[in-house]
Amino acid sequence: MTTTDEFADLKNELASADAKREELIAKARGIVKQSKTAIYAIQRGDMKAAASEIAAMKKGVEALKPYSNDASYAGTIKPALQEYVEAAAFEEFAKTGKMLPRRALGISAEHYIAGLCDLSGEIVRKSINAAINDDSKTVVAAKKFVEELYYGLLQFDLRNGELRRKFDGLKYDLKKMEDLLLSLKLQGKVKPG
């Protein structure tokens, strides 16, 4: 093989990898957009629209999974996988008040934990809307759920990095929930106990 052939092979290999990365970026953007749409639908109580978006996301995620452990592409698709967890887990919380098990999603522990940490922000938003509508029962249940997430994730040694920052966000979301619940109690909208 000549030097010219060697460089031609290298150029083709890099061009192929770049094309694949661009394809994965487009797919990941689509999943992130679907996640936002699903979450917004859940916040509005439109569970049918949310389920449709999440089903479509699941197909897209399945296409991305083979690349999730490839260092060349992992960073490209990570946000999409985390958004998928957040949307699917929020749907489960809205329907049942419970946590969606990781095995139901087939996602790595890291992506699952990151998605759960992001979930707390949506639960805070749902709780604030519930409080506005004098639905203290939802606020109490949501605070308990976020508290369980927080205490569950305290078990992990999350070193400085993305997961640690997301976990810290969850901690602040729990504080918001505690403040909201205290405010409702002081207004007499939640019974002691």
N, C-alpha and C. Protein backbone atom coordinates (compact mmCIF):
# COMPACT_ATOMS: atom_id res chain seq x y z
N MET A 1 0.84 -1.17 0.00
CA MET A 1 0.00 0.00 0.00
C MET A 1 0.89 1.24 0.00
N THR A 2 0.55 2.17 -0.85
CA THR A 2 1.34 3.40 -0.93
C THR A 2 0.90 4.39 0.14
N THR A 3 1.72 5.39 0.32
CA THR A 3 1.39 6.45 1.28
C THR A 3 0.10 7.14 0.86
N THR A 4 -0.08 7.34 -0.43
CA THR A 4 -1.30 7.98 -0.95
C THR A 4 -2.52 7.13 -0.62
N ASP A 5 -2.39 5.80 -0.79
CA ASP A 5 -3.50 4.90 -0.46
C ASP A 5 -3.82 4.92 1.03
N GLU A 6 -2.76 4.96 1.84
CA GLU A 6 -2.95 4.99 3.29
C GLU A 6 -3.73 6.24 3.71
N PHE A 7 -3.35 7.38 3.18
CA PHE A 7 -4.05 8.62 3.52
C PHE A 7 -5.47 8.63 2.96
N ALA A 8 -5.68 8.03 1.83
CA ALA A 8 -7.03 7.94 1.25
C ALA A 8 -7.92 7.09 2.16
N ASP A 9 -7.36 5.97 2.67
CA ASP A 9 -8.11 5.12 3.59
C ASP A 9 -8.45 5.88 4.88
N LEU A 10 -7.47 6.59 5.42
CA LEU A 10 -7.70 7.37 6.63
C LEU A 10 -8.79 8.43 6.41
N LYS A 11 -8.71 9.10 5.27
CA LYS A 11 -9.69 10.14 4.95
C LYS A 11 -11.09 9.54 4.86
N ASN A 12 -11.20 8.40 4.20
CA ASN A 12 -12.51 7.74 4.09
C ASN A 12 -13.05 7.30 5.45
N GLU A 13 -12.17 6.77 6.29
CA GLU A 13 -12.59 6.32 7.61
C GLU A 13 -13.10 7.50 8.46
N LEU A 14 -12.35 8.59 8.44
CA LEU A 14 -12.77 9.77 9.21
C LEU A 14 -14.05 10.39 8.64
N ALA A 15 -14.19 10.40 7.33
CA ALA A 15 -15.41 10.94 6.71
C ALA A 15 -16.61 10.09 7.09
N SER A 16 -16.42 8.77 7.13
CA SER A 16 -17.50 7.87 7.51
C SER A 16 -17.90 8.09 8.97
N ALA A 17 -16.91 8.22 9.85
CA ALA A 17 -17.19 8.47 11.27
C ALA A 17 -17.88 9.81 11.46
N ASP A 18 -17.47 10.82 10.70
CA ASP A 18 -18.09 12.14 10.80
C ASP A 18 -19.54 12.09 10.32
N ALA A 19 -19.80 11.36 9.26
CA ALA A 19 -21.18 11.22 8.75
C ALA A 19 -22.05 10.50 9.78
N LYS A 20 -21.51 9.47 10.41
CA LYS A 20 -22.26 8.74 11.44
C LYS A 20 -22.55 9.66 12.63
N ARG A 21 -21.55 10.46 13.04
CA ARG A 21 -21.74 11.39 14.15
C ARG A 21 -22.86 12.40 13.81
N GLU A 22 -22.85 12.93 12.60
CA GLU A 22 -23.89 13.87 12.18
C GLU A 22 -25.27 13.21 12.20
N GLU A 23 -25.33 11.97 11.76
CA GLU A 23 -26.59 11.22 11.78
C GLU A 23 -27.09 11.03 13.22
N LEU A 24 -26.16 10.68 14.13
CA LEU A 24 -26.53 10.48 15.53
C LEU A 24 -26.93 11.79 16.20
N ILE A 25 -26.27 12.88 15.84
CA ILE A 25 -26.64 14.19 16.38
C ILE A 25 -28.07 14.53 15.99
N ALA A 26 -28.42 14.29 14.75
CA ALA A 26 -29.78 14.58 14.28
C ALA A 26 -30.81 13.71 15.02
N LYS A 27 -30.49 12.43 15.19
CA LYS A 27 -31.41 11.54 15.92
C LYS A 27 -31.54 11.97 17.38
N ALA A 28 -30.42 12.32 17.99
CA ALA A 28 -30.43 12.74 19.40
C ALA A 28 -31.24 14.03 19.56
N ARG A 29 -31.09 14.97 18.65
CA ARG A 29 -31.88 16.21 18.72
C ARG A 29 -33.36 15.92 18.64
N GLY A 30 -33.72 14.99 17.77
CA GLY A 30 -35.13 14.60 17.65
C GLY A 30 -35.67 14.03 18.94
N ILE A 31 -34.89 13.21 19.61
CA ILE A 31 -35.31 12.61 20.88
C ILE A 31 -35.45 13.68 21.96
N VAL A 32 -34.51 14.60 22.01
CA VAL A 32 -34.59 15.69 23.00
C VAL A 32 -35.85 16.52 22.76
N LYS A 33 -36.14 16.81 21.51
CA LYS A 33 -37.35 17.58 21.19
C LYS A 33 -38.61 16.80 21.60
N GLN A 34 -38.63 15.50 21.31
CA GLN A 34 -39.77 14.67 21.70
C GLN A 34 -39.92 14.64 23.22
N SER A 35 -38.81 14.61 23.94
CA SER A 35 -38.85 14.61 25.40
C SER A 35 -39.51 15.89 25.91
N LYS A 36 -39.08 17.02 25.37
CA LYS A 36 -39.66 18.29 25.80
C LYS A 36 -41.16 18.32 25.52
N THR A 37 -41.55 17.80 24.36
CA THR A 37 -42.96 17.77 23.98
C THR A 37 -43.75 16.86 24.93
N ALA A 38 -43.18 15.69 25.25
CA ALA A 38 -43.85 14.75 26.15
C ALA A 38 -43.99 15.34 27.54
N ILE A 39 -42.93 15.95 28.04
CA ILE A 39 -42.97 16.54 29.38
C ILE A 39 -43.99 17.67 29.43
N TYR A 40 -44.02 18.49 28.41
CA TYR A 40 -45.01 19.58 28.38
C TYR A 40 -46.42 19.01 28.36
N ALA A 41 -46.62 17.93 27.62
CA ALA A 41 -47.95 17.29 27.57
C ALA A 41 -48.33 16.76 28.96
N ILE A 42 -47.39 16.16 29.66
CA ILE A 42 -47.67 15.64 31.01
C ILE A 42 -48.01 16.80 31.94
N GLN A 43 -47.27 17.88 31.85
CA GLN A 43 -47.56 19.03 32.70
C GLN A 43 -48.98 19.56 32.45
N ARG A 44 -49.46 19.45 31.21
CA ARG A 44 -50.82 19.89 30.87
C ARG A 44 -51.87 18.82 31.15
N GLY A 45 -51.42 17.61 31.50
CA GLY A 45 -52.36 16.52 31.76
C GLY A 45 -52.79 15.76 30.52
N ASP A 46 -52.10 15.96 29.41
CA ASP A 46 -52.42 15.27 28.16
C ASP A 46 -51.57 14.00 28.07
N MET A 47 -52.00 12.98 28.79
CA MET A 47 -51.21 11.75 28.90
C MET A 47 -51.18 10.97 27.58
N LYS A 48 -52.21 11.10 26.77
CA LYS A 48 -52.24 10.40 25.48
C LYS A 48 -51.14 10.94 24.56
N ALA A 49 -51.02 12.25 24.48
CA ALA A 49 -49.97 12.86 23.65
C ALA A 49 -48.59 12.49 24.18
N ALA A 50 -48.45 12.51 25.50
CA ALA A 50 -47.17 12.17 26.11
C ALA A 50 -46.78 10.73 25.79
N ALA A 51 -47.74 9.81 25.91
CA ALA A 51 -47.46 8.39 25.63
C ALA A 51 -47.03 8.19 24.18
N SER A 52 -47.65 8.93 23.28
CA SER A 52 -47.29 8.83 21.86
C SER A 52 -45.85 9.29 21.63
N GLU A 53 -45.49 10.41 22.24
CA GLU A 53 -44.11 10.93 22.09
C GLU A 53 -43.10 9.97 22.71
N ILE A 54 -43.43 9.43 23.86
CA ILE A 54 -42.49 8.53 24.54
C ILE A 54 -42.31 7.23 23.76
N ALA A 55 -43.39 6.74 23.16
CA ALA A 55 -43.27 5.54 22.32
C ALA A 55 -42.36 5.81 21.13
N ALA A 56 -42.50 6.97 20.53
CA ALA A 56 -41.62 7.32 19.40
C ALA A 56 -40.18 7.49 19.87
N MET A 57 -40.01 8.07 21.05
CA MET A 57 -38.66 8.23 21.61
C MET A 57 -38.00 6.88 21.83
N LYS A 58 -38.78 5.93 22.32
CA LYS A 58 -38.23 4.60 22.62
C LYS A 58 -37.60 3.98 21.37
N LYS A 59 -38.26 4.13 20.24
CA LYS A 59 -37.70 3.60 18.97
C LYS A 59 -36.39 4.30 18.63
N GLY A 60 -36.36 5.61 18.81
CA GLY A 60 -35.14 6.35 18.54
C GLY A 60 -34.01 5.98 19.47
N VAL A 61 -34.34 5.78 20.73
CA VAL A 61 -33.33 5.40 21.72
C VAL A 61 -32.75 4.03 21.40
N GLU A 62 -33.60 3.12 20.97
CA GLU A 62 -33.11 1.78 20.61
C GLU A 62 -32.07 1.87 19.49
N ALA A 63 -32.26 2.80 18.56
CA ALA A 63 -31.29 2.98 17.48
C ALA A 63 -29.98 3.59 17.98
N LEU A 64 -30.04 4.35 19.07
CA LEU A 64 -28.83 4.99 19.60
C LEU A 64 -28.04 4.09 20.54
N LYS A 65 -28.71 3.17 21.20
CA LYS A 65 -28.06 2.35 22.24
C LYS A 65 -26.76 1.67 21.79
N PRO A 66 -26.68 1.14 20.58
CA PRO A 66 -25.43 0.48 20.19
C PRO A 66 -24.21 1.41 20.22
N TYR A 67 -24.43 2.71 20.20
CA TYR A 67 -23.33 3.67 20.17
C TYR A 67 -23.04 4.27 21.54
N SER A 68 -23.82 3.90 22.56
CA SER A 68 -23.70 4.55 23.87
C SER A 68 -22.39 4.26 24.58
N ASN A 69 -21.73 3.18 24.26
CA ASN A 69 -20.45 2.86 24.90
C ASN A 69 -19.25 3.15 24.01
N ASP A 70 -19.50 3.68 22.84
CA ASP A 70 -18.43 4.03 21.90
C ASP A 70 -17.99 5.46 22.22
N ALA A 71 -16.76 5.63 22.65
CA ALA A 71 -16.26 6.94 23.06
C ALA A 71 -16.40 7.99 21.96
N SER A 72 -16.38 7.57 20.71
CA SER A 72 -16.50 8.52 19.60
C SER A 72 -17.88 9.15 19.54
N TYR A 73 -18.89 8.45 20.05
CA TYR A 73 -20.27 8.91 19.91
C TYR A 73 -21.01 9.11 21.24
N ALA A 74 -20.47 8.60 22.32
CA ALA A 74 -21.20 8.61 23.60
C ALA A 74 -21.63 10.01 24.03
N GLY A 75 -20.75 10.98 23.90
CA GLY A 75 -21.09 12.34 24.30
C GLY A 75 -22.18 12.95 23.45
N THR A 76 -22.25 12.51 22.22
CA THR A 76 -23.25 13.01 21.27
C THR A 76 -24.65 12.58 21.66
N ILE A 77 -24.77 11.35 22.15
CA ILE A 77 -26.11 10.80 22.39
C ILE A 77 -26.53 10.83 23.87
N LYS A 78 -25.59 11.14 24.76
CA LYS A 78 -25.89 11.15 26.19
C LYS A 78 -27.10 12.02 26.54
N PRO A 79 -27.19 13.26 26.06
CA PRO A 79 -28.36 14.08 26.43
C PRO A 79 -29.69 13.45 26.01
N ALA A 80 -29.72 12.80 24.88
CA ALA A 80 -30.95 12.17 24.40
C ALA A 80 -31.36 11.02 25.32
N LEU A 81 -30.41 10.21 25.74
CA LEU A 81 -30.73 9.09 26.62
C LEU A 81 -31.22 9.58 27.98
N GLN A 82 -30.61 10.63 28.49
CA GLN A 82 -31.03 11.20 29.77
C GLN A 82 -32.41 11.84 29.66
N GLU A 83 -32.67 12.52 28.57
CA GLU A 83 -34.00 13.12 28.35
C GLU A 83 -35.08 12.04 28.25
N TYR A 84 -34.73 10.93 27.62
CA TYR A 84 -35.68 9.82 27.51
C TYR A 84 -36.05 9.30 28.90
N VAL A 85 -35.04 9.13 29.75
CA VAL A 85 -35.29 8.67 31.12
C VAL A 85 -36.19 9.68 31.84
N GLU A 86 -35.86 10.96 31.71
CA GLU A 86 -36.63 11.99 32.40
C GLU A 86 -38.09 11.96 31.96
N ALA A 87 -38.34 11.91 30.66
CA ALA A 87 -39.72 11.92 30.16
C ALA A 87 -40.48 10.66 30.56
N ALA A 88 -39.86 9.50 30.39
CA ALA A 88 -40.53 8.25 30.72
C ALA A 88 -40.78 8.13 32.22
N ALA A 89 -39.82 8.57 33.03
CA ALA A 89 -39.98 8.51 34.48
C ALA A 89 -41.03 9.52 34.94
N PHE A 90 -41.11 10.66 34.28
CA PHE A 90 -42.13 11.65 34.64
C PHE A 90 -43.52 11.13 34.30
N GLU A 91 -43.63 10.45 33.17
CA GLU A 91 -44.91 9.84 32.81
C GLU A 91 -45.33 8.82 33.87
N GLU A 92 -44.39 7.99 34.29
CA GLU A 92 -44.69 6.98 35.31
C GLU A 92 -45.11 7.65 36.62
N PHE A 93 -44.38 8.68 37.02
CA PHE A 93 -44.75 9.40 38.24
C PHE A 93 -46.15 9.99 38.12
N ALA A 94 -46.45 10.62 36.98
CA ALA A 94 -47.76 11.25 36.79
C ALA A 94 -48.89 10.22 36.81
N LYS A 95 -48.61 9.02 36.31
CA LYS A 95 -49.65 7.98 36.26
C LYS A 95 -49.79 7.24 37.58
N THR A 96 -48.66 6.91 38.22
CA THR A 96 -48.71 6.00 39.37
C THR A 96 -48.15 6.60 40.66
N GLY A 97 -47.39 7.68 40.55
CA GLY A 97 -46.73 8.24 41.73
C GLY A 97 -45.49 7.47 42.13
N LYS A 98 -45.05 6.57 41.25
CA LYS A 98 -43.90 5.71 41.57
C LYS A 98 -42.75 5.95 40.62
N MET A 99 -41.62 5.38 40.98
CA MET A 99 -40.42 5.48 40.16
C MET A 99 -40.41 4.39 39.10
N LEU A 100 -40.04 4.76 37.89
CA LEU A 100 -39.93 3.80 36.80
C LEU A 100 -38.62 3.04 36.95
N PRO A 101 -38.67 1.71 37.01
CA PRO A 101 -37.43 0.93 37.18
C PRO A 101 -36.52 1.05 35.96
N ARG A 102 -35.24 1.02 36.20
CA ARG A 102 -34.25 1.13 35.12
C ARG A 102 -34.43 0.00 34.11
N ARG A 103 -34.73 -1.19 34.59
CA ARG A 103 -34.85 -2.33 33.68
C ARG A 103 -35.96 -2.11 32.65
N ALA A 104 -36.95 -1.28 32.97
CA ALA A 104 -38.03 -0.99 32.03
C ALA A 104 -37.52 -0.15 30.86
N LEU A 105 -36.39 0.51 31.05
CA LEU A 105 -35.83 1.39 30.01
C LEU A 105 -34.61 0.79 29.32
N GLY A 106 -33.91 -0.11 30.01
CA GLY A 106 -32.71 -0.70 29.43
C GLY A 106 -31.60 0.31 29.21
N ILE A 107 -31.46 1.23 30.14
CA ILE A 107 -30.49 2.33 30.04
C ILE A 107 -29.38 2.10 31.07
N SER A 108 -28.19 2.61 30.78
CA SER A 108 -27.09 2.47 31.74
C SER A 108 -27.42 3.17 33.05
N ALA A 109 -26.76 2.74 34.10
CA ALA A 109 -26.98 3.33 35.42
C ALA A 109 -26.69 4.83 35.40
N GLU A 110 -25.64 5.23 34.74
CA GLU A 110 -25.27 6.65 34.70
C GLU A 110 -26.35 7.50 34.03
N HIS A 111 -26.84 7.06 32.88
CA HIS A 111 -27.89 7.81 32.18
C HIS A 111 -29.19 7.81 32.98
N TYR A 112 -29.46 6.69 33.62
CA TYR A 112 -30.69 6.57 34.42
C TYR A 112 -30.65 7.53 35.61
N ILE A 113 -29.54 7.55 36.33
CA ILE A 113 -29.41 8.44 37.48
C ILE A 113 -29.49 9.90 37.04
N ALA A 114 -28.83 10.23 35.96
CA ALA A 114 -28.87 11.61 35.46
C ALA A 114 -30.30 12.01 35.09
N GLY A 115 -31.02 11.12 34.44
CA GLY A 115 -32.41 11.39 34.09
C GLY A 115 -33.30 11.55 35.31
N LEU A 116 -33.06 10.73 36.33
CA LEU A 116 -33.84 10.85 37.58
C LEU A 116 -33.56 12.18 38.27
N CYS A 117 -32.31 12.61 38.26
CA CYS A 117 -31.98 13.90 38.88
C CYS A 117 -32.69 15.03 38.15
N ASP A 118 -32.75 14.97 36.83
CA ASP A 118 -33.44 15.99 36.05
C ASP A 118 -34.95 15.95 36.28
N LEU A 119 -35.46 14.78 36.54
CA LEU A 119 -36.89 14.58 36.79
C LEU A 119 -37.39 15.47 37.93
N SER A 120 -36.58 15.68 38.93
CA SER A 120 -37.02 16.44 40.10
C SER A 120 -37.49 17.84 39.73
N GLY A 121 -36.86 18.46 38.75
CA GLY A 121 -37.27 19.80 38.33
C GLY A 121 -38.67 19.81 37.76
N GLU A 122 -39.02 18.78 37.00
CA GLU A 122 -40.37 18.69 36.45
C GLU A 122 -41.40 18.42 37.53
N ILE A 123 -41.00 17.66 38.53
CA ILE A 123 -41.92 17.38 39.64
C ILE A 123 -42.15 18.65 40.46
N VAL A 124 -41.12 19.47 40.62
CA VAL A 124 -41.30 20.75 41.31
C VAL A 124 -42.30 21.61 40.52
N ARG A 125 -42.13 21.67 39.21
CA ARG A 125 -43.05 22.46 38.38
C ARG A 125 -44.48 21.94 38.51
N LYS A 126 -44.64 20.62 38.47
CA LYS A 126 -45.97 20.01 38.63
C LYS A 126 -46.55 20.36 40.00
N SER A 127 -45.73 20.36 41.02
CA SER A 127 -46.17 20.67 42.37
C SER A 127 -46.61 22.12 42.51
N ILE A 128 -45.86 23.00 41.92
CA ILE A 128 -46.22 24.42 41.97
C ILE A 128 -47.57 24.63 41.29
N ASN A 129 -47.75 24.00 40.14
CA ASN A 129 -49.05 24.10 39.46
C ASN A 129 -50.16 23.50 40.30
N ALA A 130 -49.87 22.39 40.98
CA ALA A 130 -50.87 21.78 41.87
C ALA A 130 -51.21 22.71 43.02
N ALA A 131 -50.21 23.36 43.59
CA ALA A 131 -50.44 24.30 44.69
C ALA A 131 -51.30 25.47 44.22
N ILE A 132 -51.04 25.95 43.03
CA ILE A 132 -51.84 27.05 42.47
C ILE A 132 -53.31 26.64 42.36
N ASN A 133 -53.51 25.36 42.06
CA ASN A 133 -54.87 24.83 41.91
C ASN A 133 -55.42 24.23 43.21
N ASP A 134 -54.80 24.57 44.34
CA ASP A 134 -55.22 24.08 45.67
C ASP A 134 -55.26 22.56 45.77
N ASP A 135 -54.32 21.90 45.11
CA ASP A 135 -54.21 20.45 45.16
C ASP A 135 -53.03 20.08 46.05
N SER A 136 -53.22 20.20 47.35
CA SER A 136 -52.12 19.93 48.28
C SER A 136 -51.75 18.46 48.34
N LYS A 137 -52.69 17.59 48.01
CA LYS A 137 -52.42 16.15 48.03
C LYS A 137 -51.30 15.80 47.03
N THR A 138 -51.36 16.40 45.85
CA THR A 138 -50.31 16.18 44.85
C THR A 138 -48.98 16.72 45.33
N VAL A 139 -49.00 17.87 45.98
CA VAL A 139 -47.75 18.47 46.49
C VAL A 139 -47.12 17.56 47.54
N VAL A 140 -47.92 17.04 48.45
CA VAL A 140 -47.41 16.15 49.50
C VAL A 140 -46.80 14.89 48.87
N ALA A 141 -47.50 14.30 47.92
CA ALA A 141 -47.00 13.08 47.27
C ALA A 141 -45.72 13.36 46.48
N ALA A 142 -45.68 14.50 45.81
CA ALA A 142 -44.50 14.86 45.02
C ALA A 142 -43.29 15.11 45.92
N LYS A 143 -43.51 15.79 47.04
CA LYS A 143 -42.40 16.05 47.96
C LYS A 143 -41.85 14.73 48.50
N LYS A 144 -42.74 13.82 48.83
CA LYS A 144 -42.30 12.51 49.34
C LYS A 144 -41.49 11.77 48.27
N PHE A 145 -41.94 11.84 47.03
CA PHE A 145 -41.23 11.18 45.93
C PHE A 145 -39.84 11.77 45.74
N VAL A 146 -39.74 13.10 45.69
CA VAL A 146 -38.44 13.75 45.50
C VAL A 146 -37.52 13.44 46.68
N GLU A 147 -38.09 13.39 47.87
CA GLU A 147 -37.32 13.05 49.06
C GLU A 147 -36.77 11.62 48.95
N GLU A 148 -37.58 10.69 48.47
CA GLU A 148 -37.12 9.31 48.30
C GLU A 148 -36.01 9.24 47.25
N LEU A 149 -36.15 10.00 46.17
CA LEU A 149 -35.08 10.05 45.16
C LEU A 149 -33.79 10.54 45.79
N TYR A 150 -33.90 11.62 46.53
CA TYR A 150 -32.72 12.22 47.15
C TYR A 150 -32.05 11.24 48.10
N TYR A 151 -32.82 10.66 49.01
CA TYR A 151 -32.22 9.74 49.98
C TYR A 151 -31.71 8.47 49.31
N GLY A 152 -32.37 8.03 48.25
CA GLY A 152 -31.88 6.88 47.51
C GLY A 152 -30.53 7.15 46.86
N LEU A 153 -30.40 8.34 46.28
CA LEU A 153 -29.16 8.68 45.58
C LEU A 153 -28.03 9.10 46.52
N LEU A 154 -28.37 9.37 47.77
CA LEU A 154 -27.32 9.68 48.76
C LEU A 154 -26.38 8.49 48.96
N GLN A 155 -26.84 7.30 48.64
CA GLN A 155 -26.03 6.09 48.82
C GLN A 155 -24.81 6.06 47.91
N PHE A 156 -24.86 6.82 46.82
CA PHE A 156 -23.82 6.75 45.81
C PHE A 156 -22.70 7.75 46.08
N ASP A 157 -21.51 7.37 45.71
CA ASP A 157 -20.35 8.24 45.82
C ASP A 157 -20.22 8.96 44.48
N LEU A 158 -20.95 10.05 44.35
CA LEU A 158 -20.94 10.80 43.09
C LEU A 158 -19.83 11.84 43.16
N ARG A 159 -18.74 11.54 42.52
CA ARG A 159 -17.60 12.45 42.53
C ARG A 159 -17.94 13.71 41.74
N ASN A 160 -17.07 14.68 41.83
CA ASN A 160 -17.28 15.91 41.08
C ASN A 160 -17.41 15.59 39.60
N GLY A 161 -18.42 16.08 39.00
CA GLY A 161 -18.68 15.83 37.59
C GLY A 161 -20.15 16.06 37.32
N GLU A 162 -20.59 15.62 36.15
CA GLU A 162 -21.97 15.87 35.74
C GLU A 162 -22.99 15.27 36.70
N LEU A 163 -22.80 14.02 37.10
CA LEU A 163 -23.77 13.40 38.01
C LEU A 163 -23.83 14.12 39.34
N ARG A 164 -22.71 14.58 39.83
CA ARG A 164 -22.69 15.31 41.10
C ARG A 164 -23.46 16.62 40.97
N ARG A 165 -23.25 17.34 39.87
CA ARG A 165 -23.97 18.60 39.65
C ARG A 165 -25.47 18.36 39.55
N LYS A 166 -25.85 17.30 38.85
CA LYS A 166 -27.27 16.99 38.72
C LYS A 166 -27.86 16.60 40.08
N PHE A 167 -27.11 15.85 40.86
CA PHE A 167 -27.56 15.47 42.19
C PHE A 167 -27.73 16.71 43.07
N ASP A 168 -26.80 17.64 42.97
CA ASP A 168 -26.94 18.88 43.73
C ASP A 168 -28.20 19.63 43.32
N GLY A 169 -28.55 19.59 42.05
CA GLY A 169 -29.79 20.19 41.57
C GLY A 169 -31.00 19.52 42.22
N LEU A 170 -30.94 18.21 42.34
CA LEU A 170 -32.02 17.47 43.01
C LEU A 170 -32.16 17.91 44.46
N LYS A 171 -31.02 18.13 45.12
CA LYS A 171 -31.03 18.59 46.51
C LYS A 171 -31.75 19.94 46.62
N TYR A 172 -31.48 20.84 45.69
CA TYR A 172 -32.13 22.15 45.71
C TYR A 172 -33.61 22.03 45.37
N ASP A 173 -33.95 21.09 44.50
CA ASP A 173 -35.37 20.86 44.19
C ASP A 173 -36.12 20.35 45.42
N LEU A 174 -35.47 19.48 46.19
CA LEU A 174 -36.09 19.00 47.43
C LEU A 174 -36.32 20.16 48.39
N LYS A 175 -35.37 21.06 48.48
CA LYS A 175 -35.53 22.24 49.34
C LYS A 175 -36.72 23.08 48.86
N LYS A 176 -36.88 23.25 47.55
CA LYS A 176 -38.03 23.99 47.02
C LYS A 176 -39.34 23.31 47.41
N MET A 177 -39.34 21.98 47.34
CA MET A 177 -40.54 21.22 47.70
C MET A 177 -40.86 21.40 49.18
N GLU A 178 -39.83 21.35 50.02
CA GLU A 178 -40.03 21.54 51.46
C GLU A 178 -40.59 22.94 51.74
N ASP A 179 -40.03 23.95 51.07
CA ASP A 179 -40.52 25.32 51.25
C ASP A 179 -41.96 25.47 50.79
N LEU A 180 -42.30 24.85 49.67
CA LEU A 180 -43.66 24.93 49.15
C LEU A 180 -44.64 24.26 50.12
N LEU A 181 -44.26 23.10 50.61
CA LEU A 181 -45.13 22.39 51.54
C LEU A 181 -45.28 23.16 52.85
N LEU A 182 -44.20 23.74 53.34
CA LEU A 182 -44.27 24.55 54.55
C LEU A 182 -45.22 25.73 54.35
N SER A 183 -45.11 26.37 53.22
CA SER A 183 -45.99 27.50 52.90
C SER A 183 -47.46 27.07 52.91
N LEU A 184 -47.73 25.92 52.31
CA LEU A 184 -49.10 25.41 52.28
C LEU A 184 -49.59 25.08 53.70
N LYS A 185 -48.70 24.51 54.50
CA LYS A 185 -49.09 24.18 55.89
C LYS A 185 -49.38 25.45 56.68
N LEU A 186 -48.55 26.47 56.51
CA LEU A 186 -48.76 27.72 57.23
C LEU A 186 -50.05 28.41 56.80
N GLN A 187 -50.48 28.15 55.57
CA GLN A 187 -51.73 28.71 55.08
C GLN A 187 -52.93 27.86 55.47
N GLY A 188 -52.66 26.73 56.15
CA GLY A 188 -53.74 25.84 56.56
C GLY A 188 -54.29 24.99 55.43
N LYS A 189 -53.53 24.85 54.33
CA LYS A 189 -54.00 24.08 53.18
C LYS A 189 -53.58 22.62 53.24
N VAL A 190 -52.70 22.30 54.21
CA VAL A 190 -52.26 20.93 54.41
C VAL A 190 -52.43 20.63 55.90
N LYS A 191 -53.01 19.50 56.16
CA LYS A 191 -53.22 19.11 57.56
C LYS A 191 -51.92 18.60 58.15
N PRO A 192 -51.65 18.93 59.42
CA PRO A 192 -50.44 18.41 60.05
C PRO A 192 -50.44 16.89 60.10
N GLY A 193 -49.23 16.33 59.99
CA GLY A 193 -49.13 14.89 60.14
C GLY A 193 -48.59 14.21 59.01
